[in-house]
C-alpha atoms as a PDB file:
ATOM      1  CA  MET A   1     -60.294 -75.755  42.878  1.00  0.00           C
ATOM      2  CA  THR A   2     -56.531 -74.559  44.126  1.00  0.00           C
ATOM      3  CA  ASP A   3     -53.245 -75.568  44.628  1.00  0.00           C
ATOM      4  CA  SER A   4     -53.944 -75.422  48.149  1.00  0.00           C
ATOM      5  CA  GLY A   5     -56.864 -77.537  47.644  1.00  0.00           C
ATOM      6  CA  PRO A   6     -61.070 -76.125  47.283  1.00  0.00           C
ATOM      7  CA  VAL A   7     -62.449 -73.375  48.454  1.00  0.00           C
ATOM      8  CA  PHE A   8     -65.533 -71.869  48.717  1.00  0.00           C
ATOM      9  CA  ILE A   9     -66.545 -68.841  46.529  1.00  0.00           C
ATOM     10  CA  LYS A  10     -70.047 -66.475  46.656  1.00  0.00           C
ATOM     11  CA  ARG A  11     -70.755 -64.407  43.664  1.00  0.00           C
ATOM     12  CA  ASN A  12     -73.073 -61.434  44.551  1.00  0.00           C
ATOM     13  CA  ARG A  13     -74.038 -58.557  42.311  1.00  0.00           C
ATOM     14  CA  LYS A  14     -75.292 -56.464  44.179  1.00  0.00           C
ATOM     15  CA  GLU A  15     -74.069 -52.869  44.535  1.00  0.00           C
ATOM     16  CA  LYS A  16     -72.711 -52.823  48.031  1.00  0.00           C
ATOM     17  CA  ALA A  17     -71.325 -56.428  47.876  1.00  0.00           C
ATOM     18  CA  ARG A  18     -68.290 -55.608  48.343  1.00  0.00           C
ATOM     19  CA  LEU A  19     -68.684 -53.631  50.960  1.00  0.00           C
ATOM     20  CA  MET A  20     -70.920 -57.131  52.222  1.00  0.00           C
ATOM     21  CA  PHE A  21     -67.942 -59.530  51.808  1.00  0.00           C
ATOM     22  CA  ASP A  22     -65.938 -56.934  53.137  1.00  0.00           C
ATOM     23  CA  GLY A  23     -67.335 -57.358  56.152  1.00  0.00           C
ATOM     24  CA  GLU A  24     -67.462 -60.873  56.162  1.00  0.00           C
ATOM     25  CA  TYR A  25     -64.515 -61.575  55.514  1.00  0.00           C
ATOM     26  CA  ALA A  26     -63.227 -59.483  58.749  1.00  0.00           C
ATOM     27  CA  SER A  27     -66.232 -60.839  61.110  1.00  0.00           C
ATOM     28  CA  LEU A  28     -65.110 -64.488  59.806  1.00  0.00           C
ATOM     29  CA  GLU A  29     -61.258 -63.191  60.724  1.00  0.00           C
ATOM     30  CA  ALA A  30     -62.036 -61.967  63.531  1.00  0.00           C
ATOM     31  CA  LEU A  31     -63.903 -65.275  65.134  1.00  0.00           C
ATOM     32  CA  TYR A  32     -61.128 -68.227  63.928  1.00  0.00           C
ATOM     33  CA  ALA A  33     -58.743 -65.743  65.916  1.00  0.00           C
ATOM     34  CA  THR A  34     -60.479 -67.156  69.134  1.00  0.00           C
ATOM     35  CA  LYS A  35     -60.134 -70.218  68.174  1.00  0.00           C
ATOM     36  CA  THR A  36     -62.911 -71.214  70.080  1.00  0.00           C
ATOM     37  CA  ILE A  37     -65.485 -72.146  67.295  1.00  0.00           C
ATOM     38  CA  ARG A  38     -64.692 -73.659  63.816  1.00  0.00           C
ATOM     39  CA  VAL A  39     -65.185 -70.949  61.445  1.00  0.00           C
ATOM     40  CA  PRO A  40     -64.450 -71.537  58.105  1.00  0.00           C
ATOM     41  CA  LYS A  41     -60.733 -69.550  57.303  1.00  0.00           C
ATOM     42  CA  PRO A  42     -61.410 -66.711  55.075  1.00  0.00           C
ATOM     43  CA  VAL A  43     -59.792 -66.243  52.328  1.00  0.00           C
ATOM     44  CA  ALA A  44     -60.530 -63.391  50.263  1.00  0.00           C
ATOM     45  CA  ALA A  45     -62.557 -60.688  49.067  1.00  0.00           C
ATOM     46  CA  PHE A  46     -62.623 -59.321  45.781  1.00  0.00           C
ATOM     47  CA  ASP A  47     -64.434 -57.775  42.766  1.00  0.00           C
ATOM     48  CA  ASP A  48     -65.986 -59.242  40.324  1.00  0.00           C
ATOM     49  CA  GLY A  49     -65.128 -58.191  37.088  1.00  0.00           C
ATOM     50  CA  GLN A  50     -68.693 -58.613  35.477  1.00  0.00           C
ATOM     51  CA  GLY A  51     -70.416 -56.007  38.278  1.00  0.00           C
ATOM     52  CA  GLY A  52     -70.312 -56.608  42.117  1.00  0.00           C
ATOM     53  CA  ALA A  53     -68.192 -58.704  43.959  1.00  0.00           C
ATOM     54  CA  MET A  54     -66.837 -62.263  44.914  1.00  0.00           C
ATOM     55  CA  PHE A  55     -65.738 -63.507  48.431  1.00  0.00           C
ATOM     56  CA  ALA A  56     -63.701 -67.003  49.079  1.00  0.00           C
ATOM     57  CA  SER A  57     -63.265 -69.425  52.030  1.00  0.00           C
ATOM     58  CA  GLU A  58     -62.203 -72.392  52.909  1.00  0.00           C
ATOM     59  CA  TYR A  59     -64.466 -75.555  51.405  1.00  0.00           C
ATOM     60  CA  ILE A  60     -65.940 -77.354  54.731  1.00  0.00           C
ATOM     61  CA  GLU A  61     -68.216 -80.762  54.096  1.00  0.00           C
ATOM     62  CA  MET A  62     -70.588 -79.722  56.457  1.00  0.00           C
ATOM     63  CA  SER A  63     -74.086 -81.317  57.615  1.00  0.00           C
ATOM     64  CA  GLY A  64     -77.025 -80.151  59.939  1.00  0.00           C
ATOM     65  CA  LEU A  65     -76.508 -79.740  63.402  1.00  0.00           C
ATOM     66  CA  SER A  66     -77.801 -82.472  65.304  1.00  0.00           C
ATOM     67  CA  ARG A  67     -75.362 -83.715  67.789  1.00  0.00           C
ATOM     68  CA  TYR A  68     -73.194 -81.397  68.521  1.00  0.00           C
ATOM     69  CA  ALA A  69     -75.924 -79.263  69.245  1.00  0.00           C
ATOM     70  CA  ALA A  70     -74.924 -79.251  73.397  1.00  0.00           C
ATOM     71  CA  GLU A  71     -71.065 -78.734  71.757  1.00  0.00           C
ATOM     72  CA  LEU A  72     -71.749 -75.996  70.351  1.00  0.00           C
ATOM     73  CA  GLY A  73     -73.448 -73.852  73.122  1.00  0.00           C
ATOM     74  CA  THR A  74     -70.539 -74.278  75.369  1.00  0.00           C
ATOM     75  CA  GLN A  75     -68.081 -73.251  72.411  1.00  0.00           C
ATOM     76  CA  LEU A  76     -70.276 -69.873  71.768  1.00  0.00           C
ATOM     77  CA  ALA A  77     -70.144 -68.683  75.060  1.00  0.00           C
ATOM     78  CA  ARG A  78     -67.046 -68.672  75.720  1.00  0.00           C
ATOM     79  CA  LEU A  79     -67.032 -66.787  72.338  1.00  0.00           C
ATOM     80  CA  HIS A  80     -68.640 -64.672  73.796  1.00  0.00           C
ATOM     81  CA  LEU A  81     -66.196 -64.616  77.008  1.00  0.00           C
ATOM     82  CA  TYR A  82     -63.189 -64.115  74.756  1.00  0.00           C
ATOM     83  CA  ASN A  83     -63.033 -60.490  74.717  1.00  0.00           C
ATOM     84  CA  SER A  84     -63.456 -60.305  78.553  1.00  0.00           C
ATOM     85  CA  GLU A  85     -60.838 -63.049  78.594  1.00  0.00           C
ATOM     86  CA  LEU A  86     -58.384 -60.849  76.855  1.00  0.00           C
ATOM     87  CA  LEU A  87     -59.384 -57.913  79.220  1.00  0.00           C
ATOM     88  CA  LYS A  88     -58.318 -59.871  82.312  1.00  0.00           C
ATOM     89  CA  ALA A  89     -54.162 -60.315  83.472  1.00  0.00           C
ATOM     90  CA  SER A  90     -52.852 -63.312  82.139  1.00  0.00           C
ATOM     91  CA  GLN A  91     -52.345 -65.767  85.466  1.00  0.00           C
ATOM     92  CA  GLN A  92     -56.224 -65.374  85.624  1.00  0.00           C
ATOM     93  CA  ARG A  93     -57.435 -66.287  82.022  1.00  0.00           C
ATOM     94  CA  ALA A  94     -59.634 -69.475  81.802  1.00  0.00           C
ATOM     95  CA  SER A  95     -57.886 -73.031  81.536  1.00  0.00           C
ATOM     96  CA  TRP A  96     -59.273 -72.673  77.720  1.00  0.00           C
ATOM     97  CA  PHE A  97     -58.390 -69.602  76.469  1.00  0.00           C
ATOM     98  CA  LYS A  98     -56.010 -69.756  73.547  1.00  0.00           C
ATOM     99  CA  GLU A  99     -53.828 -66.934  72.957  1.00  0.00           C
ATOM    100  CA  SER A 100     -54.511 -64.700  69.303  1.00  0.00           C
ATOM    101  CA  SER A 101     -53.811 -61.776  67.848  1.00  0.00           C
ATOM    102  CA  LEU A 102     -56.706 -60.557  68.336  1.00  0.00           C
ATOM    103  CA  LYS A 103     -56.346 -57.025  70.754  1.00  0.00           C
ATOM    104  CA  PRO A 104     -58.819 -56.275  73.905  1.00  0.00           C
ATOM    105  CA  VAL A 105     -61.460 -54.650  73.056  1.00  0.00           C
ATOM    106  CA  THR A 106     -63.105 -51.814  75.493  1.00  0.00           C
ATOM    107  CA  LYS A 107     -65.921 -50.084  73.054  1.00  0.00           C
ATOM    108  CA  PHE A 108     -69.001 -51.456  71.648  1.00  0.00           C
ATOM    109  CA  GLY A 109     -69.193 -51.458  67.332  1.00  0.00           C
ATOM    110  CA  PHE A 110     -66.361 -52.919  64.490  1.00  0.00           C
ATOM    111  CA  HIS A 111     -63.962 -51.696  63.198  1.00  0.00           C
ATOM    112  CA  VAL A 112     -65.794 -52.029  59.277  1.00  0.00           C
ATOM    113  CA  PRO A 113     -69.788 -52.308  58.588  1.00  0.00           C
ATOM    114  CA  THR A 114     -71.035 -55.515  58.454  1.00  0.00           C
ATOM    115  CA  CYS A 115     -73.830 -56.611  57.233  1.00  0.00           C
ATOM    116  CA  CYS A 116     -76.962 -59.361  58.229  1.00  0.00           C
ATOM    117  CA  GLY A 117     -78.711 -59.323  55.470  1.00  0.00           C
ATOM    118  CA  TYR A 118     -77.532 -57.111  52.607  1.00  0.00           C
ATOM    119  CA  ILE A 119     -78.109 -54.029  55.058  1.00  0.00           C
ATOM    120  CA  PRO A 120     -74.967 -52.813  56.004  1.00  0.00           C
ATOM    121  CA  GLN A 121     -75.256 -51.998  59.919  1.00  0.00           C
ATOM    122  CA  ASN A 122     -73.438 -49.280  61.431  1.00  0.00           C
ATOM    123  CA  ASN A 123     -71.111 -50.347  63.501  1.00  0.00           C
ATOM    124  CA  GLU A 124     -69.224 -46.821  64.825  1.00  0.00           C
ATOM    125  CA  TRP A 125     -67.653 -47.178  67.990  1.00  0.00           C
ATOM    126  CA  ASN A 126     -69.222 -46.185  71.488  1.00  0.00           C
ATOM    127  CA  ASP A 127     -68.890 -46.721  75.314  1.00  0.00           C
ATOM    128  CA  ASN A 128     -72.205 -47.263  75.886  1.00  0.00           C
ATOM    129  CA  TRP A 129     -73.498 -50.718  74.319  1.00  0.00           C
ATOM    130  CA  VAL A 130     -77.664 -49.079  75.352  1.00  0.00           C
ATOM    131  CA  ASP A 131     -76.826 -46.022  73.647  1.00  0.00           C
ATOM    132  CA  PHE A 132     -74.663 -48.311  70.778  1.00  0.00           C
ATOM    133  CA  TYR A 133     -77.529 -50.305  69.858  1.00  0.00           C
ATOM    134  CA  THR A 134     -80.708 -48.146  70.803  1.00  0.00           C
ATOM    135  CA  LYS A 135     -79.005 -45.577  67.836  1.00  0.00           C
ATOM    136  CA  ASN A 136     -76.733 -47.912  65.560  1.00  0.00           C
ATOM    137  CA  LYS A 137     -79.131 -50.681  65.441  1.00  0.00           C
ATOM    138  CA  LEU A 138     -82.896 -49.793  66.385  1.00  0.00           C
ATOM    139  CA  LYS A 139     -83.271 -46.845  65.116  1.00  0.00           C
ATOM    140  CA  GLN A 140     -81.401 -47.068  61.816  1.00  0.00           C
ATOM    141  CA  GLN A 141     -84.257 -50.005  61.145  1.00  0.00           C
ATOM    142  CA  VAL A 142     -86.779 -48.293  62.583  1.00  0.00           C
ATOM    143  CA  ASP A 143     -85.784 -44.879  59.601  1.00  0.00           C
ATOM    144  CA  LEU A 144     -85.571 -47.343  56.742  1.00  0.00           C
ATOM    145  CA  VAL A 145     -88.732 -49.014  57.693  1.00  0.00           C
ATOM    146  CA  LEU A 146     -89.857 -44.719  57.558  1.00  0.00           C
ATOM    147  CA  ASN A 147     -88.286 -43.825  55.053  1.00  0.00           C
ATOM    148  CA  SER A 148     -89.940 -46.332  52.522  1.00  0.00           C
ATOM    149  CA  LYS A 149     -93.284 -46.511  54.343  1.00  0.00           C
ATOM    150  CA  ASN A 150     -95.155 -43.518  56.297  1.00  0.00           C
ATOM    151  CA  ASP A 151     -96.209 -45.919  58.633  1.00  0.00           C
ATOM    152  CA  GLN A 152     -97.673 -43.897  61.302  1.00  0.00           C
ATOM    153  CA  GLU A 153     -97.719 -46.696  63.839  1.00  0.00           C
ATOM    154  CA  LEU A 154     -94.413 -47.596  63.764  1.00  0.00           C
ATOM    155  CA  ALA A 155     -93.596 -44.215  64.351  1.00  0.00           C
ATOM    156  CA  GLU A 156     -95.466 -43.462  67.493  1.00  0.00           C
ATOM    157  CA  LEU A 157     -94.565 -47.094  68.853  1.00  0.00           C
ATOM    158  CA  TRP A 158     -90.716 -45.550  68.098  1.00  0.00           C
ATOM    159  CA  SER A 159     -91.333 -42.751  70.514  1.00  0.00           C
ATOM    160  CA  GLN A 160     -92.492 -44.569  73.427  1.00  0.00           C
ATOM    161  CA  LEU A 161     -90.041 -47.339  73.342  1.00  0.00           C
ATOM    162  CA  GLU A 162     -86.514 -45.407  72.964  1.00  0.00           C
ATOM    163  CA  PRO A 163     -86.623 -43.574  75.852  1.00  0.00           C
ATOM    164  CA  LYS A 164     -87.899 -47.015  77.905  1.00  0.00           C
ATOM    165  CA  ILE A 165     -85.031 -49.030  76.985  1.00  0.00           C
ATOM    166  CA  PRO A 166     -82.054 -48.525  79.252  1.00  0.00           C
ATOM    167  CA  SER A 167     -84.551 -49.557  81.267  1.00  0.00           C
ATOM    168  CA  PHE A 168     -84.568 -52.808  80.399  1.00  0.00           C
ATOM    169  CA  PHE A 169     -80.587 -52.619  81.523  1.00  0.00           C
ATOM    170  CA  GLU A 170     -80.846 -51.098  85.373  1.00  0.00           C
ATOM    171  CA  ASN A 171     -79.928 -54.752  86.865  1.00  0.00           C
ATOM    172  CA  CYS A 172     -77.881 -56.914  84.410  1.00  0.00           C
ATOM    173  CA  GLY A 173     -74.403 -55.463  85.444  1.00  0.00           C
ATOM    174  CA  GLU A 174     -71.533 -54.325  83.610  1.00  0.00           C
ATOM    175  CA  ILE A 175     -71.770 -55.444  80.088  1.00  0.00           C
ATOM    176  CA  VAL A 176     -68.603 -55.992  78.411  1.00  0.00           C
ATOM    177  CA  PRO A 177     -67.930 -56.290  75.312  1.00  0.00           C
ATOM    178  CA  ALA A 178     -68.348 -59.827  73.611  1.00  0.00           C
ATOM    179  CA  LEU A 179     -67.634 -60.911  69.506  1.00  0.00           C
ATOM    180  CA  VAL A 180     -70.692 -61.743  68.484  1.00  0.00           C
ATOM    181  CA  HIS A 181     -71.157 -63.730  65.657  1.00  0.00           C
ATOM    182  CA  GLY A 182     -74.165 -61.283  64.574  1.00  0.00           C
ATOM    183  CA  ASP A 183     -76.790 -63.838  62.609  1.00  0.00           C
ATOM    184  CA  LEU A 184     -76.604 -66.984  64.220  1.00  0.00           C
ATOM    185  CA  TRP A 185     -80.075 -69.177  62.985  1.00  0.00           C
ATOM    186  CA  SER A 186     -79.786 -72.419  62.395  1.00  0.00           C
ATOM    187  CA  GLY A 187     -79.194 -71.924  58.727  1.00  0.00           C
ATOM    188  CA  ASN A 188     -76.105 -70.611  59.562  1.00  0.00           C
ATOM    189  CA  VAL A 189     -75.174 -73.810  62.215  1.00  0.00           C
ATOM    190  CA  ALA A 190     -73.893 -77.307  60.745  1.00  0.00           C
ATOM    191  CA  GLU A 191     -71.380 -79.773  61.979  1.00  0.00           C
ATOM    192  CA  THR A 192     -68.744 -82.150  60.900  1.00  0.00           C
ATOM    193  CA  ASP A 193     -66.931 -85.126  62.150  1.00  0.00           C
ATOM    194  CA  GLU A 194     -65.102 -83.460  64.574  1.00  0.00           C
ATOM    195  CA  GLY A 195     -67.687 -80.736  66.357  1.00  0.00           C
ATOM    196  CA  PRO A 196     -70.413 -78.093  65.001  1.00  0.00           C
ATOM    197  CA  VAL A 197     -69.264 -74.847  62.011  1.00  0.00           C
ATOM    198  CA  ILE A 198     -70.810 -71.274  62.244  1.00  0.00           C
ATOM    199  CA  PHE A 199     -71.006 -69.485  59.072  1.00  0.00           C
ATOM    200  CA  ASP A 200     -71.992 -66.106  57.409  1.00  0.00           C
ATOM    201  CA  PRO A 201     -71.331 -63.462  59.892  1.00  0.00           C
ATOM    202  CA  ALA A 202     -72.157 -60.165  60.686  1.00  0.00           C
ATOM    203  CA  SER A 203     -70.326 -60.182  63.609  1.00  0.00           C
ATOM    204  CA  PHE A 204     -69.498 -56.712  65.659  1.00  0.00           C
ATOM    205  CA  TYR A 205     -68.583 -56.505  69.489  1.00  0.00           C
ATOM    206  CA  GLY A 206     -72.036 -55.800  71.441  1.00  0.00           C
ATOM    207  CA  HIS A 207     -73.515 -57.887  74.223  1.00  0.00           C
ATOM    208  CA  ALA A 208     -73.364 -61.790  74.097  1.00  0.00           C
ATOM    209  CA  GLU A 209     -77.252 -61.746  74.713  1.00  0.00           C
ATOM    210  CA  PHE A 210     -78.091 -59.903  71.571  1.00  0.00           C
ATOM    211  CA  GLU A 211     -77.090 -63.714  69.635  1.00  0.00           C
ATOM    212  CA  PHE A 212     -80.254 -65.271  71.209  1.00  0.00           C
ATOM    213  CA  GLY A 213     -82.530 -62.484  69.288  1.00  0.00           C
ATOM    214  CA  ILE A 214     -82.377 -64.676  66.056  1.00  0.00           C
ATOM    215  CA  ALA A 215     -81.470 -68.239  67.734  1.00  0.00           C
ATOM    216  CA  THR A 216     -84.732 -67.532  69.455  1.00  0.00           C
ATOM    217  CA  MET A 217     -86.844 -66.698  66.536  1.00  0.00           C
ATOM    218  CA  PHE A 218     -87.592 -69.715  64.074  1.00  0.00           C
ATOM    219  CA  GLY A 219     -86.653 -72.341  66.087  1.00  0.00           C
ATOM    220  CA  GLY A 220     -83.822 -75.149  64.718  1.00  0.00           C
ATOM    221  CA  PHE A 221     -81.815 -74.829  68.019  1.00  0.00           C
ATOM    222  CA  PRO A 222     -82.380 -78.113  70.861  1.00  0.00           C
ATOM    223  CA  ASN A 223     -83.106 -77.548  74.446  1.00  0.00           C
ATOM    224  CA  SER A 224     -79.078 -78.746  75.145  1.00  0.00           C
ATOM    225  CA  PHE A 225     -77.480 -75.849  72.816  1.00  0.00           C
ATOM    226  CA  PHE A 226     -79.109 -73.401  75.371  1.00  0.00           C
ATOM    227  CA  LYS A 227     -78.768 -75.541  78.347  1.00  0.00           C
ATOM    228  CA  ALA A 228     -74.969 -75.960  78.075  1.00  0.00           C
ATOM    229  CA  TYR A 229     -74.568 -72.011  77.348  1.00  0.00           C
ATOM    230  CA  HIS A 230     -76.115 -71.037  80.155  1.00  0.00           C
ATOM    231  CA  GLU A 231     -74.307 -73.404  82.236  1.00  0.00           C
ATOM    232  CA  VAL A 232     -71.126 -71.593  80.949  1.00  0.00           C
ATOM    233  CA  ILE A 233     -73.530 -67.621  81.145  1.00  0.00           C
ATOM    234  CA  PRO A 234     -75.787 -68.100  83.403  1.00  0.00           C
ATOM    235  CA  LYS A 235     -79.241 -65.799  82.679  1.00  0.00           C
ATOM    236  CA  VAL A 236     -78.971 -62.641  83.944  1.00  0.00           C
ATOM    237  CA  GLN A 237     -82.149 -60.938  85.730  1.00  0.00           C
ATOM    238  CA  GLY A 238     -83.786 -59.284  82.799  1.00  0.00           C
ATOM    239  CA  PHE A 239     -83.306 -61.300  80.196  1.00  0.00           C
ATOM    240  CA  GLU A 240     -86.555 -62.648  78.500  1.00  0.00           C
ATOM    241  CA  LYS A 241     -87.125 -58.689  78.426  1.00  0.00           C
ATOM    242  CA  ARG A 242     -83.742 -58.049  76.678  1.00  0.00           C
ATOM    243  CA  LEU A 243     -84.656 -60.844  74.247  1.00  0.00           C
ATOM    244  CA  GLU A 244     -87.685 -59.412  73.428  1.00  0.00           C
ATOM    245  CA  LEU A 245     -85.846 -56.231  72.682  1.00  0.00           C
ATOM    246  CA  TYR A 246     -82.797 -57.912  70.415  1.00  0.00           C
ATOM    247  CA  GLN A 247     -85.735 -60.097  68.626  1.00  0.00           C
ATOM    248  CA  LEU A 248     -87.189 -56.669  67.533  1.00  0.00           C
ATOM    249  CA  PHE A 249     -84.051 -55.647  65.637  1.00  0.00           C
ATOM    250  CA  HIS A 250     -84.058 -59.017  63.513  1.00  0.00           C
ATOM    251  CA  TYR A 251     -87.659 -58.588  62.162  1.00  0.00           C
ATOM    252  CA  LEU A 252     -87.574 -55.221  61.640  1.00  0.00           C
ATOM    253  CA  ASN A 253     -84.654 -56.352  59.701  1.00  0.00           C
ATOM    254  CA  HIS A 254     -86.801 -58.804  58.250  1.00  0.00           C
ATOM    255  CA  TRP A 255     -89.056 -56.304  57.257  1.00  0.00           C
ATOM    256  CA  ASN A 256     -86.742 -53.639  55.475  1.00  0.00           C
ATOM    257  CA  HIS A 257     -85.391 -57.418  53.562  1.00  0.00           C
ATOM    258  CA  PHE A 258     -88.565 -58.999  52.952  1.00  0.00           C
ATOM    259  CA  GLY A 259     -91.489 -56.116  53.246  1.00  0.00           C
ATOM    260  CA  GLY A 260     -94.547 -56.028  55.464  1.00  0.00           C
ATOM    261  CA  GLY A 261     -94.725 -60.179  56.635  1.00  0.00           C
ATOM    262  CA  TYR A 262     -93.204 -59.461  59.042  1.00  0.00           C
ATOM    263  CA  ARG A 263     -94.577 -55.591  60.438  1.00  0.00           C
ATOM    264  CA  SER A 264     -97.061 -57.680  63.130  1.00  0.00           C
ATOM    265  CA  SER A 265     -94.465 -59.745  64.308  1.00  0.00           C
ATOM    266  CA  ALA A 266     -92.415 -56.302  65.395  1.00  0.00           C
ATOM    267  CA  LEU A 267     -95.021 -54.196  65.899  1.00  0.00           C
ATOM    268  CA  SER A 268     -96.442 -56.918  68.165  1.00  0.00           C
ATOM    269  CA  ILE A 269     -92.965 -56.469  70.031  1.00  0.00           C
ATOM    270  CA  MET A 270     -93.111 -53.283  70.701  1.00  0.00           C
ATOM    271  CA  LYS A 271     -96.331 -53.170  72.049  1.00  0.00           C
ATOM    272  CA  ARG A 272     -95.320 -55.475  74.537  1.00  0.00           C
ATOM    273  CA  LEU A 273     -92.101 -53.266  75.681  1.00  0.00           C
ATOM    274  CA  VAL A 274     -93.505 -50.143  76.300  1.00  0.00           C
END
């Protein structure tokens, strides 16, 4: 409890906890500024005097997502469109658009590293989404696995998949950088009496479709969520194949976090894609 009311505090004793919490702070700050979807307002990330770091944010009373699933879909789509609306002249912007402190972004990446789990992501800016996703996302995860485990099947499949990745984007049109939550599984969404809430982000500017990689892996989102989203942002040709490509990042990331239980899922996707 503070003079301004209750706050939510997280503590982590890992060596890179401050980097992780700095990324979460920057992610929530960017998401909050769009005014498209509710997130806890970040307060501070700071070193813990006993080792590690701490993170403080607005405290929100939440319950599991249910009646506001469709509204979450609509709001998520507006979040993904926010940067493209910023890039438009003011008289052309959508009616739901609200001005913010954010500046238009023309590249893919983020101004700080963010962590999907506890692994820092390489968010170095790149003009090309396919190049960014291939090198900064997939290759980073593949290299982490290969550095700890000499998995020859993974190495062989990656050598076949990597040159093929651009072909999955041939008919999807221009990809405008979209601010994404980055780790939108059902455990990171909830609702209040007023509407949906999302939290624990690992944000960056990327392809909006990336959001559905993990959102479709573990269930928890009803059809009304997807239907409402795609009423605002319709699916584009090749969506299903790209969805598998985006799931691959998360299966590799889970492999690096939790071990070989995710190996077969990652390799199965790679086999289908090649």
